[in-house]
Amino acid sequence: MQLRIQINDTTRDIDVPQFILEEGEDFFAQIDSDLDRGYQMSRLWVDKPDKEQRCQIVADKILTALSNGNQKSGTLMAAYILKRMPHVREVHMNTEGDMTGHELV
């Protein structure tokens, strides 16, 4: 399965192997557990991020992974989004420093 990432004028597809989607639930649950404690989303503290906010947070982690050349982390984060919001196929990244502007398409 693929998640398309759009950063400004650049588009990149992250290929997520099916086995990661099937076997990654422990990892995804750990992300959810961490986010259950709340998260600083740019300038706003969110006590209980909803599903969309969680995926925006994870999308921001993809942006960091891609800028650091960490393909493995980017793939795992893409898998989280595909698993938690199966209808999402693209993320349009906000590069202005506001993760709440990441658009899940």
N, C-alpha and C. Protein backbone atom coordinates (compact mmCIF):
# COMPACT_ATOMS: atom_id res chain seq x y z
N MET A 1 0.85 -1.16 0.00
CA MET A 1 0.00 0.00 0.00
C MET A 1 0.91 1.24 0.00
N GLN A 2 0.41 2.32 -0.56
CA GLN A 2 1.21 3.53 -0.65
C GLN A 2 0.52 4.70 0.03
N LEU A 3 1.34 5.58 0.60
CA LEU A 3 0.87 6.86 1.09
C LEU A 3 1.67 7.92 0.34
N ARG A 4 0.95 8.79 -0.34
CA ARG A 4 1.60 9.86 -1.11
C ARG A 4 1.79 11.06 -0.20
N ILE A 5 3.01 11.57 -0.20
CA ILE A 5 3.37 12.73 0.61
C ILE A 5 3.67 13.89 -0.32
N GLN A 6 2.99 15.00 -0.12
CA GLN A 6 3.26 16.19 -0.93
C GLN A 6 3.84 17.26 -0.03
N ILE A 7 5.06 17.68 -0.39
CA ILE A 7 5.75 18.73 0.35
C ILE A 7 6.06 19.83 -0.66
N ASN A 8 5.35 20.95 -0.53
CA ASN A 8 5.45 22.04 -1.51
C ASN A 8 5.20 21.48 -2.90
N ASP A 9 6.16 21.58 -3.81
CA ASP A 9 5.98 21.11 -5.18
C ASP A 9 6.51 19.70 -5.40
N THR A 10 6.92 19.04 -4.32
CA THR A 10 7.50 17.70 -4.43
C THR A 10 6.51 16.66 -3.92
N THR A 11 6.38 15.59 -4.70
CA THR A 11 5.52 14.47 -4.30
C THR A 11 6.39 13.24 -4.15
N ARG A 12 6.12 12.52 -3.06
CA ARG A 12 6.88 11.29 -2.80
C ARG A 12 5.91 10.22 -2.32
N ASP A 13 6.06 9.02 -2.86
CA ASP A 13 5.23 7.89 -2.42
C ASP A 13 6.02 7.04 -1.44
N ILE A 14 5.40 6.72 -0.32
CA ILE A 14 6.01 5.81 0.65
C ILE A 14 5.30 4.47 0.50
N ASP A 15 6.06 3.46 0.13
CA ASP A 15 5.53 2.11 0.00
C ASP A 15 5.54 1.44 1.37
N VAL A 16 4.37 1.00 1.80
CA VAL A 16 4.24 0.32 3.09
C VAL A 16 3.92 -1.13 2.82
N PRO A 17 4.83 -2.04 3.14
CA PRO A 17 4.56 -3.48 2.93
C PRO A 17 3.35 -3.93 3.75
N GLN A 18 2.59 -4.83 3.19
CA GLN A 18 1.37 -5.33 3.85
C GLN A 18 1.67 -5.93 5.22
N PHE A 19 2.82 -6.60 5.37
CA PHE A 19 3.13 -7.23 6.66
C PHE A 19 3.26 -6.21 7.78
N ILE A 20 3.70 -4.99 7.46
CA ILE A 20 3.81 -3.95 8.49
C ILE A 20 2.42 -3.55 8.96
N LEU A 21 1.50 -3.41 8.02
CA LEU A 21 0.11 -3.08 8.39
C LEU A 21 -0.51 -4.18 9.24
N GLU A 22 -0.19 -5.43 8.91
CA GLU A 22 -0.78 -6.57 9.61
C GLU A 22 -0.12 -6.83 10.96
N GLU A 23 1.18 -6.61 11.05
CA GLU A 23 1.91 -7.00 12.26
C GLU A 23 2.37 -5.83 13.12
N GLY A 24 2.01 -4.62 12.74
CA GLY A 24 2.51 -3.45 13.44
C GLY A 24 1.63 -2.91 14.55
N GLU A 25 0.58 -3.64 14.91
CA GLU A 25 -0.38 -3.11 15.88
C GLU A 25 0.25 -2.76 17.22
N ASP A 26 1.21 -3.53 17.69
CA ASP A 26 1.86 -3.20 18.97
C ASP A 26 2.53 -1.83 18.88
N PHE A 27 3.20 -1.57 17.77
CA PHE A 27 3.86 -0.28 17.56
C PHE A 27 2.82 0.84 17.47
N PHE A 28 1.75 0.60 16.72
CA PHE A 28 0.70 1.62 16.58
C PHE A 28 0.02 1.90 17.92
N ALA A 29 -0.19 0.86 18.70
CA ALA A 29 -0.80 1.01 20.02
C ALA A 29 0.11 1.82 20.95
N GLN A 30 1.41 1.66 20.81
CA GLN A 30 2.35 2.43 21.63
C GLN A 30 2.28 3.91 21.27
N ILE A 31 2.16 4.21 19.99
CA ILE A 31 1.99 5.61 19.57
C ILE A 31 0.71 6.16 20.19
N ASP A 32 -0.38 5.39 20.10
CA ASP A 32 -1.65 5.84 20.68
C ASP A 32 -1.52 6.06 22.18
N SER A 33 -0.84 5.16 22.86
CA SER A 33 -0.65 5.30 24.31
C SER A 33 0.12 6.58 24.63
N ASP A 34 1.17 6.85 23.87
CA ASP A 34 1.94 8.09 24.07
C ASP A 34 1.06 9.32 23.84
N LEU A 35 0.24 9.29 22.80
CA LEU A 35 -0.60 10.44 22.46
C LEU A 35 -1.78 10.59 23.42
N ASP A 36 -2.13 9.53 24.14
CA ASP A 36 -3.20 9.61 25.14
C ASP A 36 -2.86 10.60 26.25
N ARG A 37 -1.58 10.90 26.41
CA ARG A 37 -1.13 11.84 27.45
C ARG A 37 -1.19 13.28 26.98
N GLY A 38 -1.61 13.50 25.72
CA GLY A 38 -1.68 14.85 25.17
C GLY A 38 -0.45 15.14 24.32
N TYR A 39 -0.53 16.24 23.56
CA TYR A 39 0.57 16.56 22.66
C TYR A 39 0.55 18.04 22.32
N GLN A 40 1.73 18.61 22.21
CA GLN A 40 1.88 20.01 21.78
C GLN A 40 1.82 20.05 20.26
N MET A 41 0.71 20.53 19.73
CA MET A 41 0.54 20.62 18.28
C MET A 41 0.81 22.07 17.88
N SER A 42 2.06 22.30 17.49
CA SER A 42 2.51 23.65 17.17
C SER A 42 2.30 24.53 18.40
N ARG A 43 1.47 25.54 18.32
CA ARG A 43 1.29 26.44 19.48
C ARG A 43 0.20 26.00 20.44
N LEU A 44 -0.50 24.93 20.10
CA LEU A 44 -1.67 24.51 20.87
C LEU A 44 -1.41 23.19 21.59
N TRP A 45 -1.67 23.15 22.90
CA TRP A 45 -1.61 21.89 23.64
C TRP A 45 -2.96 21.20 23.49
N VAL A 46 -2.94 19.93 23.08
CA VAL A 46 -4.17 19.16 22.91
C VAL A 46 -4.14 18.03 23.93
N ASP A 47 -5.10 18.07 24.88
CA ASP A 47 -5.15 17.05 25.95
C ASP A 47 -5.45 15.66 25.41
N LYS A 48 -6.40 15.58 24.51
CA LYS A 48 -6.82 14.29 23.97
C LYS A 48 -6.94 14.40 22.45
N PRO A 49 -5.82 14.20 21.75
CA PRO A 49 -5.89 14.29 20.28
C PRO A 49 -6.87 13.27 19.71
N ASP A 50 -7.71 13.75 18.77
CA ASP A 50 -8.62 12.83 18.10
C ASP A 50 -7.87 12.11 16.98
N LYS A 51 -8.58 11.27 16.25
CA LYS A 51 -7.94 10.44 15.23
C LYS A 51 -7.23 11.30 14.17
N GLU A 52 -7.90 12.35 13.70
CA GLU A 52 -7.28 13.21 12.69
C GLU A 52 -6.05 13.93 13.25
N GLN A 53 -6.15 14.45 14.45
CA GLN A 53 -5.01 15.12 15.07
C GLN A 53 -3.84 14.16 15.27
N ARG A 54 -4.13 12.94 15.68
CA ARG A 54 -3.07 11.93 15.84
C ARG A 54 -2.35 11.70 14.52
N CYS A 55 -3.12 11.63 13.45
CA CYS A 55 -2.50 11.40 12.14
C CYS A 55 -1.74 12.64 11.66
N GLN A 56 -2.19 13.84 12.04
CA GLN A 56 -1.42 15.04 11.73
C GLN A 56 -0.09 15.04 12.49
N ILE A 57 -0.12 14.62 13.73
CA ILE A 57 1.10 14.52 14.54
C ILE A 57 2.07 13.53 13.90
N VAL A 58 1.54 12.38 13.53
CA VAL A 58 2.37 11.34 12.90
C VAL A 58 2.87 11.82 11.54
N ALA A 59 2.04 12.56 10.80
CA ALA A 59 2.49 13.13 9.53
C ALA A 59 3.68 14.05 9.74
N ASP A 60 3.65 14.80 10.83
CA ASP A 60 4.78 15.68 11.15
C ASP A 60 6.04 14.86 11.41
N LYS A 61 5.88 13.69 12.00
CA LYS A 61 7.01 12.80 12.23
C LYS A 61 7.54 12.24 10.90
N ILE A 62 6.63 12.05 9.92
CA ILE A 62 7.07 11.64 8.58
C ILE A 62 7.92 12.73 7.97
N LEU A 63 7.48 13.97 8.10
CA LEU A 63 8.23 15.10 7.55
C LEU A 63 9.64 15.14 8.14
N THR A 64 9.74 14.94 9.44
CA THR A 64 11.05 14.91 10.10
C THR A 64 11.88 13.73 9.61
N ALA A 65 11.25 12.56 9.51
CA ALA A 65 11.98 11.36 9.06
C ALA A 65 12.52 11.56 7.64
N LEU A 66 11.70 12.11 6.76
CA LEU A 66 12.14 12.33 5.38
C LEU A 66 13.28 13.34 5.31
N SER A 67 13.18 14.39 6.10
CA SER A 67 14.25 15.40 6.07
C SER A 67 15.55 14.85 6.67
N ASN A 68 15.45 13.84 7.53
CA ASN A 68 16.64 13.22 8.13
C ASN A 68 17.09 11.98 7.36
N GLY A 69 16.38 11.62 6.30
CA GLY A 69 16.74 10.44 5.53
C GLY A 69 16.45 9.13 6.23
N ASN A 70 15.51 9.15 7.19
CA ASN A 70 15.17 7.95 7.95
C ASN A 70 13.96 7.26 7.31
N GLN A 71 14.22 6.46 6.30
CA GLN A 71 13.16 5.78 5.54
C GLN A 71 12.34 4.83 6.41
N LYS A 72 13.02 4.11 7.31
CA LYS A 72 12.32 3.13 8.15
C LYS A 72 11.27 3.82 9.03
N SER A 73 11.66 4.89 9.67
CA SER A 73 10.71 5.62 10.51
C SER A 73 9.57 6.20 9.68
N GLY A 74 9.90 6.76 8.52
CA GLY A 74 8.87 7.30 7.64
C GLY A 74 7.87 6.24 7.22
N THR A 75 8.35 5.05 6.93
CA THR A 75 7.48 3.94 6.53
C THR A 75 6.57 3.51 7.68
N LEU A 76 7.12 3.41 8.88
CA LEU A 76 6.32 3.02 10.05
C LEU A 76 5.25 4.06 10.35
N MET A 77 5.59 5.33 10.24
CA MET A 77 4.62 6.39 10.49
C MET A 77 3.54 6.41 9.40
N ALA A 78 3.94 6.18 8.16
CA ALA A 78 2.96 6.09 7.07
C ALA A 78 2.01 4.92 7.32
N ALA A 79 2.54 3.81 7.82
CA ALA A 79 1.71 2.64 8.13
C ALA A 79 0.69 2.99 9.20
N TYR A 80 1.10 3.76 10.20
CA TYR A 80 0.16 4.17 11.26
C TYR A 80 -1.02 4.92 10.65
N ILE A 81 -0.73 5.89 9.77
CA ILE A 81 -1.81 6.66 9.15
C ILE A 81 -2.72 5.76 8.32
N LEU A 82 -2.12 4.89 7.52
CA LEU A 82 -2.92 3.99 6.68
C LEU A 82 -3.78 3.05 7.51
N LYS A 83 -3.29 2.65 8.66
CA LYS A 83 -4.03 1.73 9.53
C LYS A 83 -5.14 2.46 10.29
N ARG A 84 -4.85 3.63 10.81
CA ARG A 84 -5.82 4.35 11.63
C ARG A 84 -6.86 5.11 10.81
N MET A 85 -6.48 5.53 9.60
CA MET A 85 -7.41 6.24 8.72
C MET A 85 -7.30 5.63 7.33
N PRO A 86 -7.89 4.44 7.14
CA PRO A 86 -7.69 3.68 5.90
C PRO A 86 -8.14 4.39 4.62
N HIS A 87 -8.98 5.39 4.75
CA HIS A 87 -9.43 6.12 3.55
C HIS A 87 -8.41 7.16 3.08
N VAL A 88 -7.43 7.49 3.90
CA VAL A 88 -6.42 8.49 3.54
C VAL A 88 -5.40 7.86 2.60
N ARG A 89 -5.12 8.55 1.51
CA ARG A 89 -4.12 8.08 0.54
C ARG A 89 -3.02 9.10 0.31
N GLU A 90 -3.26 10.35 0.76
CA GLU A 90 -2.27 11.42 0.58
C GLU A 90 -2.22 12.29 1.81
N VAL A 91 -1.04 12.88 2.03
CA VAL A 91 -0.89 13.90 3.05
C VAL A 91 -0.21 15.08 2.38
N HIS A 92 -0.87 16.23 2.46
CA HIS A 92 -0.27 17.47 1.96
C HIS A 92 0.32 18.18 3.18
N MET A 93 1.64 18.24 3.20
CA MET A 93 2.35 18.77 4.36
C MET A 93 2.34 20.30 4.37
N ASN A 94 2.11 20.84 5.55
CA ASN A 94 2.26 22.26 5.78
C ASN A 94 3.71 22.49 6.18
N THR A 95 4.42 23.30 5.43
CA THR A 95 5.84 23.54 5.74
C THR A 95 6.05 24.89 6.42
N GLU A 96 4.96 25.48 6.92
CA GLU A 96 5.05 26.75 7.62
C GLU A 96 5.27 26.58 9.11
N GLY A 97 5.45 25.32 9.55
CA GLY A 97 5.70 25.06 10.97
C GLY A 97 4.46 24.80 11.78
N ASP A 98 3.31 24.61 11.14
CA ASP A 98 2.07 24.34 11.85
C ASP A 98 1.52 22.98 11.45
N MET A 99 1.72 22.00 12.32
CA MET A 99 1.29 20.64 11.99
C MET A 99 -0.21 20.51 11.86
N THR A 100 -0.97 21.44 12.44
CA THR A 100 -2.42 21.37 12.30
C THR A 100 -2.85 21.68 10.85
N GLY A 101 -1.91 22.15 10.04
CA GLY A 101 -2.18 22.42 8.64
C GLY A 101 -1.88 21.25 7.72
N HIS A 102 -1.38 20.14 8.27
CA HIS A 102 -1.17 18.94 7.44
C HIS A 102 -2.55 18.44 7.01
N GLU A 103 -2.75 18.31 5.71
CA GLU A 103 -4.06 17.92 5.19
C GLU A 103 -4.04 16.44 4.82
N LEU A 104 -4.97 15.70 5.40
CA LEU A 104 -5.12 14.26 5.12
C LEU A 104 -6.18 14.11 4.04
N VAL A 105 -5.77 13.55 2.90
CA VAL A 105 -6.66 13.46 1.74
C VAL A 105 -6.99 12.00 1.46
